[in-house]
Structures are given as structure tokens and as C-alpha cells.
Amino acid sequence: MILPKALQPGDTIGVIAPASPPNIENLKKAIPFLKTLDLRFN
């Protein structure tokens, strides 16, 4: 099995919702958490 490298501070991630529009309330909760991990996102 091939495993990807672990995310590191400063890495960029993308948030997608392929099946439906994102739940805005959940997204508002997730963004501050991602910032605490020092991840960049679009």
C-alpha cells in the first residue's frame, strides 16, 4: 500500500463537496480548526 506524506504546517489543502453544496455552518466551524493546524486553503 502506498501512503501519502503527512500534512505539514504551511501545506495547502482544498475543501470540496462533490455531491452537494457544502454545509456552511460546518464549514464555518472547520476553517478555524484548519487554521490551528497552520494549513493554507482556498
C-alpha atoms as a PDB file:
ATOM      1  CA  MET A   1       0.000   0.000   0.000  1.00  0.00           C
ATOM      2  CA  ILE A   2       1.272   3.480  -0.866  1.00  0.00           C
ATOM      3  CA  LEU A   3       0.664   6.089   1.825  1.00  0.00           C
ATOM      4  CA  PRO A   4       0.912   9.829   1.182  1.00  0.00           C
ATOM      5  CA  LYS A   5       3.160  12.040   3.275  1.00  0.00           C
ATOM      6  CA  ALA A   6       1.525  13.548   6.356  1.00  0.00           C
ATOM      7  CA  LEU A   7       0.345  17.137   6.140  1.00  0.00           C
ATOM      8  CA  GLN A   8       2.859  19.650   7.432  1.00  0.00           C
ATOM      9  CA  PRO A   9       2.328  23.219   8.687  1.00  0.00           C
ATOM     10  CA  GLY A  10       2.134  25.540   5.695  1.00  0.00           C
ATOM     11  CA  ASP A  11       0.776  22.873   3.326  1.00  0.00           C
ATOM     12  CA  THR A  12      -2.134  23.900   1.114  1.00  0.00           C
ATOM     13  CA  ILE A  13      -5.356  21.887   1.131  1.00  0.00           C
ATOM     14  CA  GLY A  14      -8.602  22.161  -0.790  1.00  0.00           C
ATOM     15  CA  VAL A  15     -12.105  21.702   0.553  1.00  0.00           C
ATOM     16  CA  ILE A  16     -14.585  20.168  -1.897  1.00  0.00           C
ATOM     17  CA  ALA A  17     -18.170  18.940  -1.786  1.00  0.00           C
ATOM     18  CA  PRO A  18     -18.588  16.771  -4.889  1.00  0.00           C
ATOM     19  CA  ALA A  19     -22.116  15.513  -4.190  1.00  0.00           C
ATOM     20  CA  SER A  20     -23.820  18.673  -2.977  1.00  0.00           C
ATOM     21  CA  PRO A  21     -23.212  22.249  -1.843  1.00  0.00           C
ATOM     22  CA  PRO A  22     -21.229  22.446   1.417  1.00  0.00           C
ATOM     23  CA  ASN A  23     -22.979  22.852   4.734  1.00  0.00           C
ATOM     24  CA  ILE A  24     -21.988  26.453   5.502  1.00  0.00           C
ATOM     25  CA  GLU A  25     -22.330  26.058   9.286  1.00  0.00           C
ATOM     26  CA  ASN A  26     -19.981  23.056   9.306  1.00  0.00           C
ATOM     27  CA  LEU A  27     -17.558  24.885   7.046  1.00  0.00           C
ATOM     28  CA  LYS A  28     -17.537  27.885   9.404  1.00  0.00           C
ATOM     29  CA  LYS A  29     -16.529  25.508  12.219  1.00  0.00           C
ATOM     30  CA  ALA A  30     -13.894  23.713  10.152  1.00  0.00           C
ATOM     31  CA  ILE A  31     -11.980  26.779   8.926  1.00  0.00           C
ATOM     32  CA  PRO A  32     -10.763  27.915  12.378  1.00  0.00           C
ATOM     33  CA  PHE A  33      -9.696  24.323  13.130  1.00  0.00           C
ATOM     34  CA  LEU A  34      -7.687  24.131   9.907  1.00  0.00           C
ATOM     35  CA  LYS A  35      -6.033  27.430  10.805  1.00  0.00           C
ATOM     36  CA  THR A  36      -4.917  25.981  14.165  1.00  0.00           C
ATOM     37  CA  LEU A  37      -3.078  23.294  12.166  1.00  0.00           C
ATOM     38  CA  ASP A  38      -1.304  26.077  10.232  1.00  0.00           C
ATOM     39  CA  LEU A  39      -2.705  24.782   6.929  1.00  0.00           C
ATOM     40  CA  ARG A  40      -3.376  27.037   3.964  1.00  0.00           C
ATOM     41  CA  PHE A  41      -6.563  26.555   1.991  1.00  0.00           C
ATOM     42  CA  ASN A  42      -8.501  28.092  -0.894  1.00  0.00           C
END
